[in-house]
Amino acid sequence: LPVVSVRVGDVEERLRGVEGCEVC
């Protein structure tokens, strides 16, 4: 499931390089 998230916890690390996801 594509994820759009604020920068919190380790989310930036988890979404790095994942297609269709964004850290705002």
PDB file of all heavy atoms in Angstrom:
ATOM      1  N   LEU A   1       0.846  -1.190   0.000  1.00  0.00           N
ATOM      2  CA  LEU A   1       0.000   0.000   0.000  1.00  0.00           C
ATOM      3  C   LEU A   1       0.885   1.244   0.000  1.00  0.00           C
ATOM      4  O   LEU A   1       1.730   1.395   0.888  1.00  0.00           O
ATOM      5  CB  LEU A   1      -0.897   0.008   1.237  1.00  0.00           C
ATOM      6  CG  LEU A   1      -1.801   1.235   1.425  1.00  0.00           C
ATOM      7  CD1 LEU A   1      -2.812   1.352   0.293  1.00  0.00           C
ATOM      8  CD2 LEU A   1      -2.511   1.184   2.782  1.00  0.00           C
ATOM      9  N   PRO A   2       0.736   2.145  -0.972  1.00  0.00           N
ATOM     10  CA  PRO A   2       1.496   3.391  -0.965  1.00  0.00           C
ATOM     11  C   PRO A   2       1.255   4.178   0.327  1.00  0.00           C
ATOM     12  O   PRO A   2       0.130   4.208   0.839  1.00  0.00           O
ATOM     13  CB  PRO A   2       0.970   4.139  -2.186  1.00  0.00           C
ATOM     14  CG  PRO A   2       0.482   3.061  -3.103  1.00  0.00           C
ATOM     15  CD  PRO A   2      -0.094   2.013  -2.191  1.00  0.00           C
ATOM     16  N   VAL A   3       2.307   4.829   0.829  1.00  0.00           N
ATOM     17  CA  VAL A   3       2.243   5.550   2.103  1.00  0.00           C
ATOM     18  C   VAL A   3       2.642   7.003   1.893  1.00  0.00           C
ATOM     19  O   VAL A   3       3.655   7.297   1.244  1.00  0.00           O
ATOM     20  CB  VAL A   3       3.175   4.906   3.153  1.00  0.00           C
ATOM     21  CG1 VAL A   3       3.169   5.717   4.450  1.00  0.00           C
ATOM     22  CG2 VAL A   3       2.775   3.455   3.416  1.00  0.00           C
ATOM     23  N   VAL A   4       1.848   7.917   2.446  1.00  0.00           N
ATOM     24  CA  VAL A   4       2.194   9.333   2.527  1.00  0.00           C
ATOM     25  C   VAL A   4       2.280   9.669   4.010  1.00  0.00           C
ATOM     26  O   VAL A   4       1.310   9.475   4.749  1.00  0.00           O
ATOM     27  CB  VAL A   4       1.145  10.220   1.833  1.00  0.00           C
ATOM     28  CG1 VAL A   4       1.410  11.693   2.136  1.00  0.00           C
ATOM     29  CG2 VAL A   4       1.148   9.967   0.336  1.00  0.00           C
ATOM     30  N   SER A   5       3.430  10.146   4.450  1.00  0.00           N
ATOM     31  CA  SER A   5       3.640  10.337   5.887  1.00  0.00           C
ATOM     32  C   SER A   5       4.388  11.627   6.177  1.00  0.00           C
ATOM     33  O   SER A   5       5.168  12.122   5.356  1.00  0.00           O
ATOM     34  CB  SER A   5       4.439   9.156   6.453  1.00  0.00           C
ATOM     35  OG  SER A   5       4.728   9.335   7.830  1.00  0.00           O
ATOM     36  N   VAL A   6       4.152  12.156   7.369  1.00  0.00           N
ATOM     37  CA  VAL A   6       5.000  13.210   7.900  1.00  0.00           C
ATOM     38  C   VAL A   6       6.310  12.571   8.345  1.00  0.00           C
ATOM     39  O   VAL A   6       6.427  11.354   8.450  1.00  0.00           O
ATOM     40  CB  VAL A   6       4.314  13.941   9.075  1.00  0.00           C
ATOM     41  CG1 VAL A   6       3.046  14.631   8.610  1.00  0.00           C
ATOM     42  CG2 VAL A   6       4.020  12.980  10.227  1.00  0.00           C
ATOM     43  N   ARG A   7       7.303  13.409   8.629  1.00  0.00           N
ATOM     44  CA  ARG A   7       8.612  12.912   9.050  1.00  0.00           C
ATOM     45  C   ARG A   7       8.559  12.623  10.549  1.00  0.00           C
ATOM     46  O   ARG A   7       8.563  13.530  11.376  1.00  0.00           O
ATOM     47  CB  ARG A   7       9.673  13.976   8.715  1.00  0.00           C
ATOM     48  CG  ARG A   7      11.091  13.473   8.761  1.00  0.00           C
ATOM     49  CD  ARG A   7      12.068  14.508   8.227  1.00  0.00           C
ATOM     50  NE  ARG A   7      12.286  14.351   6.795  1.00  0.00           N
ATOM     51  CZ  ARG A   7      11.834  15.188   5.874  1.00  0.00           C
ATOM     52  NH1 ARG A   7      11.110  16.237   6.225  1.00  0.00           N
ATOM     53  NH2 ARG A   7      12.103  14.985   4.600  1.00  0.00           N
ATOM     54  N   VAL A   8       8.492  11.349  10.923  1.00  0.00           N
ATOM     55  CA  VAL A   8       8.341  10.964  12.326  1.00  0.00           C
ATOM     56  C   VAL A   8       8.934   9.571  12.530  1.00  0.00           C
ATOM     57  O   VAL A   8       8.908   8.734  11.617  1.00  0.00           O
ATOM     58  CB  VAL A   8       6.847  10.978  12.744  1.00  0.00           C
ATOM     59  CG1 VAL A   8       6.050   9.926  11.997  1.00  0.00           C
ATOM     60  CG2 VAL A   8       6.678  10.815  14.251  1.00  0.00           C
ATOM     61  N   GLY A   9       9.495   9.317  13.724  1.00  0.00           N
ATOM     62  CA  GLY A   9      10.047   8.002  14.020  1.00  0.00           C
ATOM     63  C   GLY A   9      11.074   7.587  12.981  1.00  0.00           C
ATOM     64  O   GLY A   9      11.925   8.375  12.564  1.00  0.00           O
ATOM     65  N   ASP A  10      10.974   6.331  12.523  1.00  0.00           N
ATOM     66  CA  ASP A  10      11.897   5.834  11.492  1.00  0.00           C
ATOM     67  C   ASP A  10      11.226   5.739  10.127  1.00  0.00           C
ATOM     68  O   ASP A  10      11.685   5.001   9.252  1.00  0.00           O
ATOM     69  CB  ASP A  10      12.461   4.471  11.902  1.00  0.00           C
ATOM     70  CG  ASP A  10      11.393   3.386  12.008  1.00  0.00           C
ATOM     71  OD1 ASP A  10      10.185   3.711  11.909  1.00  0.00           O
ATOM     72  OD2 ASP A  10      11.750   2.201  12.198  1.00  0.00           O
ATOM     73  N   VAL A  11      10.134   6.510   9.929  1.00  0.00           N
ATOM     74  CA  VAL A  11       9.368   6.421   8.679  1.00  0.00           C
ATOM     75  C   VAL A  11      10.224   6.793   7.471  1.00  0.00           C
ATOM     76  O   VAL A  11      10.153   6.133   6.422  1.00  0.00           O
ATOM     77  CB  VAL A  11       8.114   7.317   8.746  1.00  0.00           C
ATOM     78  CG1 VAL A  11       7.474   7.444   7.366  1.00  0.00           C
ATOM     79  CG2 VAL A  11       7.106   6.738   9.729  1.00  0.00           C
ATOM     80  N   GLU A  12      11.041   7.820   7.596  1.00  0.00           N
ATOM     81  CA  GLU A  12      11.868   8.240   6.460  1.00  0.00           C
ATOM     82  C   GLU A  12      12.776   7.098   6.006  1.00  0.00           C
ATOM     83  O   GLU A  12      12.949   6.859   4.794  1.00  0.00           O
ATOM     84  CB  GLU A  12      12.682   9.465   6.843  1.00  0.00           C
ATOM     85  CG  GLU A  12      13.306  10.170   5.660  1.00  0.00           C
ATOM     86  CD  GLU A  12      13.864  11.536   6.036  1.00  0.00           C
ATOM     87  OE1 GLU A  12      13.936  11.847   7.239  1.00  0.00           O
ATOM     88  OE2 GLU A  12      14.219  12.282   5.105  1.00  0.00           O
ATOM     89  N   GLU A  13      13.334   6.379   6.960  1.00  0.00           N
ATOM     90  CA  GLU A  13      14.183   5.232   6.638  1.00  0.00           C
ATOM     91  C   GLU A  13      13.377   4.141   5.946  1.00  0.00           C
ATOM     92  O   GLU A  13      13.826   3.534   4.965  1.00  0.00           O
ATOM     93  CB  GLU A  13      14.819   4.685   7.921  1.00  0.00           C
ATOM     94  CG  GLU A  13      15.618   3.407   7.742  1.00  0.00           C
ATOM     95  CD  GLU A  13      16.048   2.803   9.060  1.00  0.00           C
ATOM     96  OE1 GLU A  13      15.912   3.470  10.116  1.00  0.00           O
ATOM     97  OE2 GLU A  13      16.501   1.641   9.045  1.00  0.00           O
ATOM     98  N   ARG A  14      12.161   3.880   6.437  1.00  0.00           N
ATOM     99  CA  ARG A  14      11.342   2.807   5.877  1.00  0.00           C
ATOM    100  C   ARG A  14      10.881   3.113   4.445  1.00  0.00           C
ATOM    101  O   ARG A  14      10.754   2.216   3.618  1.00  0.00           O
ATOM    102  CB  ARG A  14      10.109   2.565   6.757  1.00  0.00           C
ATOM    103  CG  ARG A  14      10.420   2.092   8.151  1.00  0.00           C
ATOM    104  CD  ARG A  14      11.040   0.724   8.152  1.00  0.00           C
ATOM    105  NE  ARG A  14      11.729   0.464   9.419  1.00  0.00           N
ATOM    106  CZ  ARG A  14      12.819  -0.257   9.529  1.00  0.00           C
ATOM    107  NH1 ARG A  14      13.367  -0.784   8.451  1.00  0.00           N
ATOM    108  NH2 ARG A  14      13.382  -0.469  10.705  1.00  0.00           N
ATOM    109  N   LEU A  15      10.616   4.389   4.154  1.00  0.00           N
ATOM    110  CA  LEU A  15      10.064   4.744   2.848  1.00  0.00           C
ATOM    111  C   LEU A  15      11.135   5.098   1.822  1.00  0.00           C
ATOM    112  O   LEU A  15      10.810   5.275   0.642  1.00  0.00           O
ATOM    113  CB  LEU A  15       9.097   5.927   2.991  1.00  0.00           C
ATOM    114  CG  LEU A  15       7.879   5.717   3.894  1.00  0.00           C
ATOM    115  CD1 LEU A  15       6.917   6.894   3.761  1.00  0.00           C
ATOM    116  CD2 LEU A  15       7.155   4.412   3.578  1.00  0.00           C
ATOM    117  N   ARG A  16      12.377   5.165   2.259  1.00  0.00           N
ATOM    118  CA  ARG A  16      13.445   5.571   1.344  1.00  0.00           C
ATOM    119  C   ARG A  16      13.560   4.577   0.174  1.00  0.00           C
ATOM    120  O   ARG A  16      13.762   3.380   0.366  1.00  0.00           O
ATOM    121  CB  ARG A  16      14.776   5.670   2.085  1.00  0.00           C
ATOM    122  CG  ARG A  16      15.915   6.273   1.261  1.00  0.00           C
ATOM    123  CD  ARG A  16      17.164   6.448   2.106  1.00  0.00           C
ATOM    124  NE  ARG A  16      16.948   7.408   3.186  1.00  0.00           N
ATOM    125  CZ  ARG A  16      17.155   7.153   4.459  1.00  0.00           C
ATOM    126  NH1 ARG A  16      17.561   5.947   4.834  1.00  0.00           N
ATOM    127  NH2 ARG A  16      16.950   8.082   5.377  1.00  0.00           N
ATOM    128  N   GLY A  17      13.398   5.093  -1.031  1.00  0.00           N
ATOM    129  CA  GLY A  17      13.553   4.260  -2.226  1.00  0.00           C
ATOM    130  C   GLY A  17      12.344   3.420  -2.577  1.00  0.00           C
ATOM    131  O   GLY A  17      12.398   2.651  -3.541  1.00  0.00           O
ATOM    132  N   VAL A  18      11.247   3.553  -1.822  1.00  0.00           N
ATOM    133  CA  VAL A  18      10.053   2.750  -2.106  1.00  0.00           C
ATOM    134  C   VAL A  18       9.176   3.506  -3.110  1.00  0.00           C
ATOM    135  O   VAL A  18       8.780   4.655  -2.863  1.00  0.00           O
ATOM    136  CB  VAL A  18       9.249   2.452  -0.820  1.00  0.00           C
ATOM    137  CG1 VAL A  18       8.034   1.594  -1.151  1.00  0.00           C
ATOM    138  CG2 VAL A  18      10.136   1.753   0.208  1.00  0.00           C
ATOM    139  N   GLU A  19       8.872   2.865  -4.206  1.00  0.00           N
ATOM    140  CA  GLU A  19       8.077   3.499  -5.257  1.00  0.00           C
ATOM    141  C   GLU A  19       6.662   3.792  -4.763  1.00  0.00           C
ATOM    142  O   GLU A  19       6.047   2.976  -4.087  1.00  0.00           O
ATOM    143  CB  GLU A  19       8.013   2.590  -6.485  1.00  0.00           C
ATOM    144  CG  GLU A  19       9.366   2.314  -7.135  1.00  0.00           C
ATOM    145  CD  GLU A  19       9.271   1.260  -8.213  1.00  0.00           C
ATOM    146  OE1 GLU A  19       8.136   0.820  -8.515  1.00  0.00           O
ATOM    147  OE2 GLU A  19      10.321   0.868  -8.755  1.00  0.00           O
ATOM    148  N   GLY A  20       6.161   4.990  -5.134  1.00  0.00           N
ATOM    149  CA  GLY A  20       4.783   5.335  -4.819  1.00  0.00           C
ATOM    150  C   GLY A  20       4.559   5.801  -3.401  1.00  0.00           C
ATOM    151  O   GLY A  20       3.416   5.929  -2.966  1.00  0.00           O
ATOM    152  N   CYS A  21       5.635   6.070  -2.645  1.00  0.00           N
ATOM    153  CA  CYS A  21       5.508   6.553  -1.263  1.00  0.00           C
ATOM    154  C   CYS A  21       6.196   7.910  -1.152  1.00  0.00           C
ATOM    155  O   CYS A  21       7.146   8.194  -1.873  1.00  0.00           O
ATOM    156  CB  CYS A  21       6.145   5.575  -0.278  1.00  0.00           C
ATOM    157  SG  CYS A  21       5.338   3.953  -0.213  1.00  0.00           S
ATOM    158  N   GLU A  22       5.722   8.725  -0.224  1.00  0.00           N
ATOM    159  CA  GLU A  22       6.319  10.043  -0.017  1.00  0.00           C
ATOM    160  C   GLU A  22       6.384  10.396   1.464  1.00  0.00           C
ATOM    161  O   GLU A  22       5.444  10.097   2.214  1.00  0.00           O
ATOM    162  CB  GLU A  22       5.519  11.132  -0.742  1.00  0.00           C
ATOM    163  CG  GLU A  22       5.671  11.113  -2.250  1.00  0.00           C
ATOM    164  CD  GLU A  22       5.336  12.453  -2.876  1.00  0.00           C
ATOM    165  OE1 GLU A  22       5.478  13.501  -2.195  1.00  0.00           O
ATOM    166  OE2 GLU A  22       4.933  12.451  -4.049  1.00  0.00           O
ATOM    167  N   VAL A  23       7.491  11.050   1.841  1.00  0.00           N
ATOM    168  CA  VAL A  23       7.604  11.698   3.148  1.00  0.00           C
ATOM    169  C   VAL A  23       7.459  13.190   2.895  1.00  0.00           C
ATOM    170  O   VAL A  23       8.196  13.774   2.086  1.00  0.00           O
ATOM    171  CB  VAL A  23       8.956  11.398   3.820  1.00  0.00           C
ATOM    172  CG1 VAL A  23       9.058  12.139   5.150  1.00  0.00           C
ATOM    173  CG2 VAL A  23       9.129   9.902   4.036  1.00  0.00           C
ATOM    174  N   CYS A  24       6.513  13.814   3.554  1.00  0.00           N
ATOM    175  CA  CYS A  24       6.182  15.218   3.285  1.00  0.00           C
ATOM    176  C   CYS A  24       7.289  16.148   3.778  1.00  0.00           C
ATOM    177  O   CYS A  24       7.926  15.888   4.807  1.00  0.00           O
ATOM    178  CB  CYS A  24       4.862  15.592   3.943  1.00  0.00           C
ATOM    179  SG  CYS A  24       3.479  14.584   3.353  1.00  0.00           S
TER     180      CYS A  24
END
